[in-house]
């Protein structure tokens, strides 16, 4: 074979292989382009859905809250008996028509969201699917004919009622107000409402015939609110009551919700714990919330909601006082903590998940500068920093009762009156470890019992605790600091302006430094020139620097 022919054949083969490789490369590029486009389309679709949800989050939360609040008032607060059965003509009309409006308003906002996303594949994104499932659950509860017929609204009727309530304004969908609702004269719309109207009247004249459907709807609406507003930024956790009428159905309560001994106004449910010996479920809060400050007997009822929010002993008993350590009111003695335990009633359980935070995974010790968070009954979700620990504290419990506490924790002000009983939690990444229990406040600071002392002495543990002990050692303060601390306590505990003293960061020029010192907390910080000689706090003691912080009086909250 001639050389030229061989060269030609080889060239042809090379050309063929090059063409094949080129085609394969082009196909690979096209496939990658398709994948990129698919991912881009998915991202755009996800962004569209997120924008729609963000756009309508506020009105949906408010509509769900308004409806669950009215259901709660109907079943637990005798709303229809007070305003429809025993009210004047104006009250009768309002109690029924406004309740119908709240049902219709909720249907309107869910229909608006359905219309906005109907041409979008919601995909498998977890948060979107969760919201979709919650909305579907509520639709199904309205339409489920396995309940009694009261408040049965088929899915098509829910949509139709919602459609009548929608108006377009500036290119956006809105729900009509109460006045416009009253003016709707559509015959079919009024027929649908007349069924619900008759159901409300039936419930008003026969309050014992409560609707199991309404109870389950109330639970589902609360779940929707918890999902849309997990940190309680829009709807306070203290207003998220759940109803339970069935002795066969578990009532689930959450940390941060309002509870209290039947003789107190109320405080926060701290968290769920377990008895170390029996593994029985218990709840942790403060002595002041669960015992009315030493005044209760073991077995006394703890009610939900508390007295201040309409709860009544006997009717709303949810827990029973299990054990507590009495607070000592003696100027010569000190306490370790203000805490108590209660046992849930048989059909009540407490979620181990703290709204907006998650499950507690154990406990840790306080340290200076530790970032912390809290879910309170009034404050909802709050964040702060530990500014002092090993604090000796003087706390006013009212009625001339002063109690002293040792080894307490201080944060910048993060709690409000009514938050007492809330758990202080480490804000470090993926830790969720309990640090303290809120029991007092001042104008500038919040005060917590160290959680390790509570769980050790009351002999409990956290359900999500993976280890029986913390993953860090208990902090030990320097001996020189300890000696100076004891001396400051002895010299100042009886003084009127004294609030407390402990280990903190030194302040310079109005800013915190990383240098440790002793901090004396006083009610009012005054210039040395205005103080009597015996009230002057030295700037140094045995080589230990001392700062003075104007805190305001510490009061049990």
Protein backbone atom coordinates (compact mmCIF):
# COMPACT_ATOMS: atom_id res chain seq x y z
CA UNK A 1 0.00 0.00 0.00
CA UNK A 2 1.37 3.35 -0.96
CA UNK A 3 2.44 5.65 1.81
CA UNK A 4 0.11 8.40 0.62
CA UNK A 5 -2.89 6.07 0.91
CA UNK A 6 -1.91 5.03 4.43
CA UNK A 7 -1.58 8.66 5.43
CA UNK A 8 -4.99 9.39 3.90
CA UNK A 9 -6.62 6.51 5.80
CA UNK A 10 -5.03 7.57 9.09
CA UNK A 11 -6.11 11.15 8.49
CA UNK A 12 -9.66 9.99 7.79
CA UNK A 13 -9.72 7.90 10.97
CA UNK A 14 -8.37 10.82 13.01
CA UNK A 15 -10.99 13.09 11.46
CA UNK A 16 -13.75 10.64 12.29
CA UNK A 17 -12.57 10.32 15.90
CA UNK A 18 -12.24 14.09 16.15
CA UNK A 19 -15.77 14.49 14.86
CA UNK A 20 -17.04 11.90 17.34
CA UNK A 21 -15.22 13.61 20.20
CA UNK A 22 -16.48 16.96 19.02
CA UNK A 23 -20.06 15.68 18.91
CA UNK A 24 -19.70 14.07 22.36
CA UNK A 25 -18.20 17.27 23.71
CA UNK A 26 -21.00 19.29 22.20
CA UNK A 27 -23.58 16.92 23.69
CA UNK A 28 -21.89 17.19 27.10
CA UNK A 29 -21.92 20.96 26.85
CA UNK A 30 -25.58 20.92 25.88
CA UNK A 31 -26.40 18.60 28.78
CA UNK A 32 -24.52 20.88 31.18
CA UNK A 33 -26.32 23.88 29.73
CA UNK A 34 -29.63 22.08 30.25
CA UNK A 35 -28.70 21.24 33.85
CA UNK A 36 -27.66 24.84 34.50
CA UNK A 37 -30.91 26.09 32.98
CA UNK A 38 -32.89 23.57 35.05
CA UNK A 39 -31.14 24.68 38.24
CA UNK A 40 -31.64 28.31 37.28
CA UNK A 41 -35.34 27.69 36.61
CA UNK A 42 -35.66 25.89 39.95
CA UNK A 43 -33.96 28.79 41.73
CA UNK A 44 -36.21 31.34 40.01
CA UNK A 45 -39.29 29.28 40.85
CA UNK A 46 -38.15 28.95 44.47
CA UNK A 47 -37.49 32.68 44.65
CA UNK A 48 -40.97 33.37 43.24
CA UNK A 49 -42.59 31.13 45.84
CA UNK A 50 -40.55 32.68 48.65
CA UNK A 51 -41.54 36.16 47.49
CA UNK A 52 -45.23 35.19 47.46
CA UNK A 53 -45.02 33.62 50.92
CA UNK A 54 -43.11 36.62 52.29
CA UNK A 55 -45.65 38.97 50.70
CA UNK A 56 -48.64 37.31 52.33
CA UNK A 57 -47.03 36.01 55.54
CA UNK A 58 -48.23 38.91 57.71
CA UNK A 59 -51.92 38.88 56.67
CA UNK A 60 -52.07 35.07 56.78
CA UNK A 61 -50.61 35.00 60.30
CA UNK A 62 -53.06 37.69 61.41
CA UNK A 63 -56.05 35.93 59.81
CA UNK A 64 -55.07 32.61 61.41
CA UNK A 65 -54.54 34.31 64.77
CA UNK A 66 -57.87 36.18 64.61
CA UNK A 67 -59.76 32.98 63.79
CA UNK A 68 -58.06 30.82 66.43
CA UNK A 69 -58.59 33.56 69.01
CA UNK A 70 -62.33 33.67 68.29
CA UNK A 71 -62.56 29.85 68.41
CA UNK A 72 -60.75 29.90 71.74
CA UNK A 73 -63.10 32.56 73.12
CA UNK A 74 -66.17 30.65 71.92
CA UNK A 75 -65.13 27.38 73.54
CA UNK A 76 -63.21 28.52 76.60
CA UNK A 77 -64.47 32.03 77.42
CA UNK A 78 -68.22 31.61 76.70
CA UNK A 79 -68.10 34.31 74.02
CA UNK A 80 -71.43 33.37 72.42
CA UNK A 81 -73.23 32.97 75.74
CA UNK A 82 -72.07 36.39 76.91
CA UNK A 83 -72.60 38.38 73.71
CA UNK A 84 -75.25 36.47 71.75
CA UNK A 85 -77.43 34.81 74.37
CA UNK A 86 -77.21 37.51 77.05
CA UNK A 87 -76.14 40.54 75.02
CA UNK A 88 -78.11 43.47 73.64
CA UNK A 89 -79.11 43.65 69.96
CA UNK A 90 -75.83 45.27 68.91
CA UNK A 91 -73.78 42.63 70.73
CA UNK A 92 -75.89 39.79 69.33
CA UNK A 93 -75.38 41.00 65.75
CA UNK A 94 -71.66 41.63 66.17
CA UNK A 95 -70.88 38.32 67.91
CA UNK A 96 -72.29 36.32 64.98
CA UNK A 97 -71.45 38.49 61.97
CA UNK A 98 -67.89 39.28 63.04
CA UNK A 99 -67.24 35.59 63.69
CA UNK A 100 -68.48 34.83 60.17
CA UNK A 101 -66.14 37.53 58.89
CA UNK A 102 -63.15 35.90 60.64
CA UNK A 103 -63.91 32.56 58.99
CA UNK A 104 -64.29 34.28 55.60
CA UNK A 105 -61.15 36.37 56.07
CA UNK A 106 -59.08 33.24 56.65
CA UNK A 107 -60.56 31.59 53.53
CA UNK A 108 -59.73 34.74 51.55
CA UNK A 109 -56.03 34.80 52.39
CA UNK A 110 -55.57 31.08 51.77
CA UNK A 111 -57.35 31.49 48.42
CA UNK A 112 -55.10 34.45 47.52
CA UNK A 113 -52.01 32.33 48.16
CA UNK A 114 -53.50 29.44 46.17
CA UNK A 115 -54.19 31.73 43.19
CA UNK A 116 -50.70 33.25 43.31
CA UNK A 117 -48.89 29.89 43.33
CA UNK A 118 -51.29 27.76 41.25
CA UNK A 119 -49.01 27.72 38.19
CA UNK A 120 -45.85 27.10 40.20
CA UNK A 121 -44.65 23.59 41.03
CA UNK A 122 -44.01 23.85 44.78
CA UNK A 123 -41.34 21.16 44.54
CA UNK A 124 -39.82 19.40 47.52
CA UNK A 125 -38.36 22.36 49.41
CA UNK A 126 -39.00 21.46 53.05
CA UNK A 127 -40.32 24.80 54.37
CA UNK A 128 -42.68 25.25 51.42
CA UNK A 129 -43.96 21.70 51.74
CA UNK A 130 -44.52 22.17 55.48
CA UNK A 131 -46.66 25.26 54.91
CA UNK A 132 -48.57 23.52 52.11
CA UNK A 133 -49.24 20.54 54.38
CA UNK A 134 -50.45 22.78 57.22
CA UNK A 135 -52.85 24.66 54.93
CA UNK A 136 -54.11 21.37 53.47
CA UNK A 137 -54.66 20.00 56.97
CA UNK A 138 -56.86 22.98 57.87
CA UNK A 139 -58.84 22.68 54.61
CA UNK A 140 -59.39 18.99 55.34
CA UNK A 141 -60.54 19.65 58.91
CA UNK A 142 -63.21 22.05 57.63
CA UNK A 143 -64.34 19.57 54.96
CA UNK A 144 -64.09 16.32 56.94
CA UNK A 145 -67.58 14.82 57.29
CA UNK A 146 -66.49 12.30 59.94
CA UNK A 147 -67.07 15.00 62.59
CA UNK A 148 -70.51 16.23 63.59
CA UNK A 149 -72.02 18.50 60.93
CA UNK A 150 -71.36 21.74 62.81
CA UNK A 151 -68.96 23.99 60.86
CA UNK A 152 -68.66 21.59 57.92
CA UNK A 153 -67.40 23.64 54.94
CA UNK A 154 -66.47 21.70 51.82
CA UNK A 155 -63.23 22.62 50.06
CA UNK A 156 -65.03 24.13 47.08
CA UNK A 157 -67.13 26.24 49.43
CA UNK A 158 -64.01 27.42 51.25
CA UNK A 159 -62.56 28.61 47.95
CA UNK A 160 -65.85 30.20 46.85
CA UNK A 161 -66.25 32.11 50.12
CA UNK A 162 -62.63 33.24 49.82
CA UNK A 163 -63.20 34.43 46.24
CA UNK A 164 -66.08 36.67 47.32
CA UNK A 165 -63.81 38.28 49.93
CA UNK A 166 -60.97 39.17 47.54
CA UNK A 167 -60.43 42.55 45.91
CA UNK A 168 -57.63 43.77 43.66
CA UNK A 169 -55.85 46.93 44.77
CA UNK A 170 -52.85 48.42 42.97
CA UNK A 171 -52.09 45.12 41.26
CA UNK A 172 -52.14 43.20 44.54
CA UNK A 173 -54.83 41.05 46.08
CA UNK A 174 -56.45 42.18 49.33
CA UNK A 175 -59.16 40.88 51.63
CA UNK A 176 -62.18 43.16 52.09
CA UNK A 177 -62.78 44.73 55.49
CA UNK A 178 -65.63 44.02 57.90
CA UNK A 179 -67.84 46.83 56.55
CA UNK A 180 -67.49 45.62 52.94
CA UNK A 181 -68.15 42.06 54.10
CA UNK A 182 -71.47 43.12 55.62
CA UNK A 183 -72.45 44.73 52.30
CA UNK A 184 -71.89 41.62 50.13
CA UNK A 185 -75.34 40.66 48.81
CA UNK A 186 -74.40 37.67 46.64
CA UNK A 187 -77.20 35.14 47.20
CA UNK A 188 -75.04 32.00 47.12
CA UNK A 189 -72.47 33.63 49.41
CA UNK A 190 -75.21 34.42 51.93
CA UNK A 191 -76.50 30.83 51.73
CA UNK A 192 -73.06 29.46 52.62
CA UNK A 193 -72.80 31.91 55.49
CA UNK A 194 -76.30 31.08 56.72
CA UNK A 195 -75.17 27.50 57.39
CA UNK A 196 -72.26 28.72 59.52
CA UNK A 197 -74.56 31.31 61.15
CA UNK A 198 -76.98 28.57 62.22
CA UNK A 199 -74.07 26.50 63.56
CA UNK A 200 -72.95 29.42 65.73
CA UNK A 201 -76.48 29.91 67.06
CA UNK A 202 -76.74 26.17 67.81
CA UNK A 203 -73.50 26.37 69.75
CA UNK A 204 -74.66 29.45 71.66
CA UNK A 205 -77.88 27.86 72.95
CA UNK A 206 -76.27 24.49 73.63
CA UNK A 207 -72.74 25.29 74.92
CA UNK A 208 -72.25 21.70 76.08
CA UNK A 209 -72.38 20.60 72.44
CA UNK A 210 -68.93 21.93 71.64
CA UNK A 211 -67.52 21.20 68.23
CA UNK A 212 -64.65 18.71 68.12
CA UNK A 213 -63.97 20.11 64.65
CA UNK A 214 -63.38 23.57 66.16
CA UNK A 215 -60.95 22.17 68.74
CA UNK A 216 -58.88 20.43 66.06
CA UNK A 217 -59.04 23.52 63.83
CA UNK A 218 -57.75 25.59 66.72
CA UNK A 219 -54.78 23.23 67.17
CA UNK A 220 -54.01 23.31 63.44
CA UNK A 221 -54.20 27.13 63.29
CA UNK A 222 -51.77 27.37 66.22
CA UNK A 223 -49.41 24.99 64.38
CA UNK A 224 -49.61 27.23 61.29
CA UNK A 225 -48.83 30.32 63.39
CA UNK A 226 -45.92 28.52 65.09
CA UNK A 227 -44.48 27.64 61.68
CA UNK A 228 -44.93 31.11 60.14
CA UNK A 229 -43.79 32.98 63.26
CA UNK A 230 -41.45 30.59 65.14
CA UNK A 231 -39.75 33.27 67.23
CA UNK A 232 -42.94 35.02 68.29
CA UNK A 233 -41.98 38.28 66.59
CA UNK A 234 -45.54 38.96 65.36
CA UNK A 235 -47.77 36.98 67.72
CA UNK A 236 -46.49 36.62 71.32
CA UNK A 237 -46.08 33.04 72.51
CA UNK A 238 -48.16 33.96 75.57
CA UNK A 239 -51.21 34.33 73.29
CA UNK A 240 -50.88 30.92 71.65
CA UNK A 241 -53.23 28.94 73.88
CA UNK A 242 -54.38 25.50 72.84
CA UNK A 243 -57.75 23.97 73.70
CA UNK A 244 -58.49 20.47 74.85
CA UNK A 245 -61.93 19.10 75.61
CA UNK A 246 -61.38 15.42 74.96
CA UNK A 247 -59.95 13.29 77.74
CA UNK A 248 -58.70 10.93 75.04
CA UNK A 249 -56.66 13.56 73.21
CA UNK A 250 -53.30 14.86 74.39
CA UNK A 251 -53.10 18.61 74.88
CA UNK A 252 -49.65 19.81 73.82
CA UNK A 253 -48.18 22.89 75.51
CA UNK A 254 -44.93 24.65 74.64
CA UNK A 255 -42.11 26.26 76.62
CA UNK A 256 -42.70 30.00 76.98
CA UNK A 257 -46.49 29.70 77.24
CA UNK A 258 -48.41 31.21 80.15
CA UNK A 259 -49.05 29.09 83.23
CA UNK A 260 -49.25 29.66 86.96
CA UNK A 261 -50.46 28.52 90.35
CA UNK A 262 -54.13 29.42 90.55
CA UNK A 263 -53.31 32.18 93.07
CA UNK A 264 -50.76 34.03 90.89
CA UNK A 265 -51.24 36.17 87.78
CA UNK A 266 -48.95 33.95 85.70
CA UNK A 267 -45.47 33.31 84.39
CA UNK A 268 -43.68 31.19 81.80
CA UNK A 269 -43.56 27.45 81.39
CA UNK A 270 -39.78 27.00 81.37
CA UNK A 271 -39.27 23.62 79.73
CA UNK A 272 -39.95 19.90 79.88
CA UNK A 273 -37.69 17.80 82.12
CA UNK A 274 -37.63 14.20 83.34
CA UNK A 275 -37.32 12.84 86.87
CA UNK A 276 -33.94 11.10 87.23
CA UNK A 277 -35.38 8.33 89.40
CA UNK A 278 -38.74 7.61 87.76
CA UNK A 279 -38.29 9.11 84.25
CA UNK A 280 -41.70 10.80 84.71
CA UNK A 281 -42.37 13.92 82.62
CA UNK A 282 -42.29 17.16 84.65
CA UNK A 283 -42.12 20.87 83.90
CA UNK A 284 -39.66 23.40 85.28
CA UNK A 285 -40.51 26.98 86.21
CA UNK A 286 -39.89 29.19 89.25
CA UNK A 287 -41.08 28.84 92.81
CA UNK A 288 -42.88 32.16 92.45
CA UNK A 289 -44.86 30.94 89.40
CA UNK A 290 -45.71 27.43 90.61
CA UNK A 291 -46.05 27.94 94.39
CA UNK A 292 -47.07 31.60 94.81
CA UNK A 293 -43.73 32.04 96.67
CA UNK A 294 -43.77 29.13 99.15
CA UNK A 295 -47.55 29.41 99.71
CA UNK A 296 -48.69 26.28 97.84
CA UNK A 297 -49.10 22.66 98.89
CA UNK A 298 -47.81 19.67 96.94
CA UNK A 299 -50.56 18.64 94.52
CA UNK A 300 -51.98 22.15 94.10
CA UNK A 301 -53.27 22.82 90.56
CA UNK A 302 -51.22 24.82 88.08
CA UNK A 303 -53.52 26.31 85.47
CA UNK A 304 -53.23 27.08 81.78
CA UNK A 305 -53.98 29.78 80.89
CA UNK A 306 -53.19 31.51 84.21
CA UNK A 307 -55.61 33.59 86.26
CA UNK A 308 -54.61 36.92 84.70
CA UNK A 309 -55.53 35.58 81.25
CA UNK A 310 -58.90 34.12 82.21
CA UNK A 311 -57.92 30.70 83.55
CA UNK A 312 -59.84 29.18 86.45
CA UNK A 313 -58.89 26.52 88.98
CA UNK A 314 -60.79 23.29 88.40
CA UNK A 315 -61.67 24.16 84.82
CA UNK A 316 -58.14 24.81 83.55
CA UNK A 317 -55.99 22.55 85.76
CA UNK A 318 -53.11 21.39 83.54
CA UNK A 319 -50.38 20.49 86.04
CA UNK A 320 -50.03 19.62 89.72
CA UNK A 321 -47.24 20.90 91.96
CA UNK A 322 -44.67 18.10 92.35
CA UNK A 323 -41.83 19.52 94.45
CA UNK A 324 -39.92 22.72 95.17
CA UNK A 325 -37.29 24.20 97.42
CA UNK A 326 -38.70 26.99 99.63
CA UNK A 327 -37.15 30.43 99.23
CA UNK A 328 -35.48 31.57 102.45
CA UNK A 329 -36.14 35.17 103.49
CA UNK A 330 -33.35 35.71 106.02
CA UNK A 331 -30.75 38.46 105.87
CA UNK A 332 -28.10 36.05 107.20
CA UNK A 333 -28.81 33.19 104.77
CA UNK A 334 -28.73 32.80 101.00
CA UNK A 335 -30.55 30.70 98.39
CA UNK A 336 -29.21 28.75 95.43
CA UNK A 337 -32.25 29.12 93.20
CA UNK A 338 -35.93 30.01 92.82
CA UNK A 339 -37.35 26.93 91.09
CA UNK A 340 -40.13 24.35 91.26
CA UNK A 341 -41.46 21.33 89.37
CA UNK A 342 -44.97 20.34 88.36
CA UNK A 343 -46.45 17.14 86.92
CA UNK A 344 -48.69 17.31 83.81
CA UNK A 345 -52.26 16.13 84.04
CA UNK A 346 -52.82 12.76 82.37
CA UNK A 347 -53.94 14.21 79.01
CA UNK A 348 -51.38 17.06 78.93
CA UNK A 349 -47.86 16.84 77.56
CA UNK A 350 -45.19 19.49 77.03
CA UNK A 351 -43.23 19.69 73.81
CA UNK A 352 -39.49 19.30 74.19
CA UNK A 353 -39.11 21.82 71.37
CA UNK A 354 -38.80 25.47 72.40
CA UNK A 355 -40.44 27.64 69.68
CA UNK A 356 -37.84 29.38 67.54
CA UNK A 357 -34.99 27.53 69.28
CA UNK A 358 -35.40 23.76 69.09
CA UNK A 359 -34.79 20.99 71.59
CA UNK A 360 -32.51 21.48 74.60
CA UNK A 361 -29.51 19.18 74.28
CA UNK A 362 -28.31 19.38 77.86
CA UNK A 363 -26.84 22.17 79.94
CA UNK A 364 -23.68 24.20 80.25
CA UNK A 365 -22.14 26.71 82.65
CA UNK A 366 -22.27 30.49 82.41
CA UNK A 367 -19.15 32.30 81.27
CA UNK A 368 -18.44 35.93 80.56
CA UNK A 369 -19.31 37.04 77.05
CA UNK A 370 -21.40 33.96 76.25
CA UNK A 371 -24.11 34.79 73.71
CA UNK A 372 -27.49 33.61 74.99
CA UNK A 373 -31.16 33.54 73.96
CA UNK A 374 -34.52 33.14 75.63
CA UNK A 375 -38.16 32.55 74.69
CA UNK A 376 -40.36 34.41 77.15
CA UNK A 377 -44.06 34.69 77.83
CA UNK A 378 -44.04 38.46 77.15
CA UNK A 379 -40.72 39.18 75.39
CA UNK A 380 -41.06 36.21 73.03
CA UNK A 381 -37.63 35.59 71.45
CA UNK A 382 -34.73 37.66 72.81
CA UNK A 383 -30.93 37.55 72.65
CA UNK A 384 -28.32 38.92 75.02
CA UNK A 385 -24.86 38.43 76.55
CA UNK A 386 -23.74 37.20 79.95
CA UNK A 387 -22.02 40.12 81.68
CA UNK A 388 -21.46 38.59 85.14
CA UNK A 389 -21.51 35.24 86.95
CA UNK A 390 -20.89 33.98 90.50
CA UNK A 391 -23.09 36.91 91.51
CA UNK A 392 -24.36 37.38 95.05
CA UNK A 393 -27.77 39.01 94.57
CA UNK A 394 -30.35 40.78 96.71
CA UNK A 395 -33.89 40.35 95.32
CA UNK A 396 -37.14 42.07 96.33
CA UNK A 397 -40.17 39.74 96.30
CA UNK A 398 -42.63 42.43 97.39
CA UNK A 399 -44.41 42.85 100.73
CA UNK A 400 -41.06 43.67 102.41
CA UNK A 401 -39.65 40.24 101.54
CA UNK A 402 -35.96 40.30 100.61
CA UNK A 403 -34.12 37.13 99.59
CA UNK A 404 -30.40 36.68 98.96
CA UNK A 405 -29.03 34.39 96.24
CA UNK A 406 -25.51 33.13 95.60
CA UNK A 407 -23.69 32.24 92.35
CA UNK A 408 -26.29 33.84 90.05
CA UNK A 409 -26.01 34.86 86.37
CA UNK A 410 -26.48 38.37 84.95
CA UNK A 411 -27.21 39.38 81.34
CA UNK A 412 -27.96 42.72 79.78
CA UNK A 413 -31.69 43.45 80.04
CA UNK A 414 -33.54 40.93 77.83
CA UNK A 415 -36.65 40.00 79.83
CA UNK A 416 -39.84 41.81 80.75
CA UNK A 417 -42.25 41.48 83.68
CA UNK A 418 -44.18 38.25 83.13
CA UNK A 419 -41.27 36.36 81.53
CA UNK A 420 -40.30 34.79 84.87
CA UNK A 421 -39.67 31.06 84.51
CA UNK A 422 -38.10 31.27 81.03
CA UNK A 423 -34.99 29.26 80.21
CA UNK A 424 -31.70 30.97 79.30
CA UNK A 425 -30.05 29.07 76.44
CA UNK A 426 -26.57 29.12 74.92
CA UNK A 427 -26.60 30.80 71.50
CA UNK A 428 -23.42 29.08 70.33
CA UNK A 429 -23.80 27.27 66.99
CA UNK A 430 -25.82 24.05 67.24
CA UNK A 431 -25.58 23.81 71.02
CA UNK A 432 -29.01 24.73 72.44
CA UNK A 433 -27.84 24.07 75.99
CA UNK A 434 -29.64 25.44 79.01
CA UNK A 435 -27.68 27.94 81.08
CA UNK A 436 -30.13 29.44 83.57
CA UNK A 437 -33.69 30.08 84.75
CA UNK A 438 -35.04 33.65 84.73
CA UNK A 439 -36.28 34.80 88.13
CA UNK A 440 -35.59 38.54 88.47
CA UNK A 441 -35.09 41.78 86.56
CA UNK A 442 -33.82 45.29 87.16
CA UNK A 443 -33.91 48.38 85.00
CA UNK A 444 -30.66 47.39 83.28
CA UNK A 445 -30.17 43.66 83.78
CA UNK A 446 -31.90 40.26 83.84
CA UNK A 447 -31.00 37.71 86.51
CA UNK A 448 -30.91 33.91 86.24
CA UNK A 449 -30.39 30.93 88.54
CA UNK A 450 -27.60 28.63 87.28
CA UNK A 451 -29.36 25.65 85.71
CA UNK A 452 -26.79 23.11 86.93
CA UNK A 453 -27.69 23.77 90.58
CA UNK A 454 -31.39 23.30 89.80
CA UNK A 455 -31.16 20.02 87.91
CA UNK A 456 -28.73 18.56 90.45
CA UNK A 457 -30.75 19.41 93.54
CA UNK A 458 -34.22 18.78 92.07
CA UNK A 459 -32.88 15.60 90.42
CA UNK A 460 -34.09 16.03 86.85
CA UNK A 461 -32.60 15.94 83.36
CA UNK A 462 -33.49 17.26 79.89
CA UNK A 463 -35.11 14.79 77.45
CA UNK A 464 -32.66 15.76 74.67
CA UNK A 465 -29.61 15.50 76.93
CA UNK A 466 -27.01 13.20 75.36
CA UNK A 467 -24.66 13.19 78.35
CA UNK A 468 -25.44 13.27 82.09
CA UNK A 469 -22.91 16.08 82.57
CA UNK A 470 -21.83 19.20 80.65
CA UNK A 471 -19.10 19.03 78.03
CA UNK A 472 -17.14 21.75 79.84
CA UNK A 473 -15.81 21.95 83.38
CA UNK A 474 -17.52 24.03 86.03
CA UNK A 475 -15.70 27.40 86.03
CA UNK A 476 -13.62 28.09 89.11
CA UNK A 477 -12.80 31.66 90.06
CA UNK A 478 -9.33 32.72 91.16
CA UNK A 479 -8.72 32.46 94.92
CA UNK A 480 -7.78 36.15 95.22
CA UNK A 481 -11.01 37.12 93.42
CA UNK A 482 -12.99 34.76 95.67
CA UNK A 483 -11.56 36.32 98.84
CA UNK A 484 -12.27 39.86 97.60
CA UNK A 485 -15.79 38.79 96.55
CA UNK A 486 -16.61 37.41 100.01
CA UNK A 487 -15.30 40.58 101.64
CA UNK A 488 -17.45 42.80 99.40
CA UNK A 489 -20.51 40.67 100.19
CA UNK A 490 -19.92 40.93 103.93
CA UNK A 491 -19.38 44.70 103.79
CA UNK A 492 -22.32 45.54 101.51
CA UNK A 493 -25.18 43.02 101.82
CA UNK A 494 -27.11 45.11 104.35
CA UNK A 495 -26.70 48.45 102.56
CA UNK A 496 -29.85 49.92 100.99
CA UNK A 497 -28.23 50.83 97.66
CA UNK A 498 -26.60 47.41 97.23
CA UNK A 499 -28.03 44.98 94.64
CA UNK A 500 -25.27 42.44 94.10
CA UNK A 501 -21.64 41.66 93.34
CA UNK A 502 -19.95 39.13 91.08
CA UNK A 503 -17.32 38.44 88.44
CA UNK A 504 -17.66 40.51 85.28
CA UNK A 505 -15.81 42.33 82.53
CA UNK A 506 -14.18 45.63 83.35
CA UNK A 507 -15.67 48.71 81.72
CA UNK A 508 -13.52 51.50 80.33
CA UNK A 509 -14.79 54.60 78.60
CA UNK A 510 -18.33 53.22 78.60
CA UNK A 511 -17.27 50.04 76.76
CA UNK A 512 -16.72 46.49 77.98
CA UNK A 513 -13.17 45.14 77.85
CA UNK A 514 -12.03 41.52 78.03
CA UNK A 515 -10.39 42.14 81.41
CA UNK A 516 -12.06 40.37 84.34
CA UNK A 517 -12.85 42.25 87.52
CA UNK A 518 -15.40 42.33 90.32
CA UNK A 519 -18.59 44.25 89.54
CA UNK A 520 -20.74 45.74 92.28
CA UNK A 521 -24.35 46.30 91.17
CA UNK A 522 -26.13 49.18 92.90
CA UNK A 523 -29.62 50.64 92.61
CA UNK A 524 -28.32 54.10 91.76
CA UNK A 525 -24.75 54.91 90.76
CA UNK A 526 -23.74 58.24 92.25
CA UNK A 527 -20.54 60.33 92.25
CA UNK A 528 -18.23 59.52 95.17
CA UNK A 529 -18.63 63.12 96.39
CA UNK A 530 -22.32 62.44 97.11
CA UNK A 531 -21.74 59.23 99.07
CA UNK A 532 -21.19 58.72 102.76
CA UNK A 533 -17.76 57.30 103.49
CA UNK A 534 -19.16 53.86 104.42
CA UNK A 535 -20.98 53.62 101.07
CA UNK A 536 -17.92 54.20 98.89
CA UNK A 537 -16.91 51.10 96.90
CA UNK A 538 -13.11 50.85 96.59
CA UNK A 539 -11.66 50.76 93.07
CA UNK A 540 -9.32 47.94 94.06
CA UNK A 541 -9.18 45.28 96.74
CA UNK A 542 -6.09 43.12 97.28
CA UNK A 543 -5.00 43.79 93.71
CA UNK A 544 -8.43 42.99 92.22
CA UNK A 545 -10.07 45.77 90.18
CA UNK A 546 -13.65 46.69 91.10
CA UNK A 547 -16.26 48.36 88.88
CA UNK A 548 -19.61 49.80 89.98
CA UNK A 549 -22.70 49.34 87.78
CA UNK A 550 -25.98 51.22 88.19
CA UNK A 551 -28.55 48.47 87.77
CA UNK A 552 -31.72 49.51 89.55
CA UNK A 553 -33.27 47.26 92.23
CA UNK A 554 -33.56 43.55 91.43
CA UNK A 555 -37.19 42.42 91.59
CA UNK A 556 -38.74 39.00 91.13
CA UNK A 557 -40.58 39.26 87.79
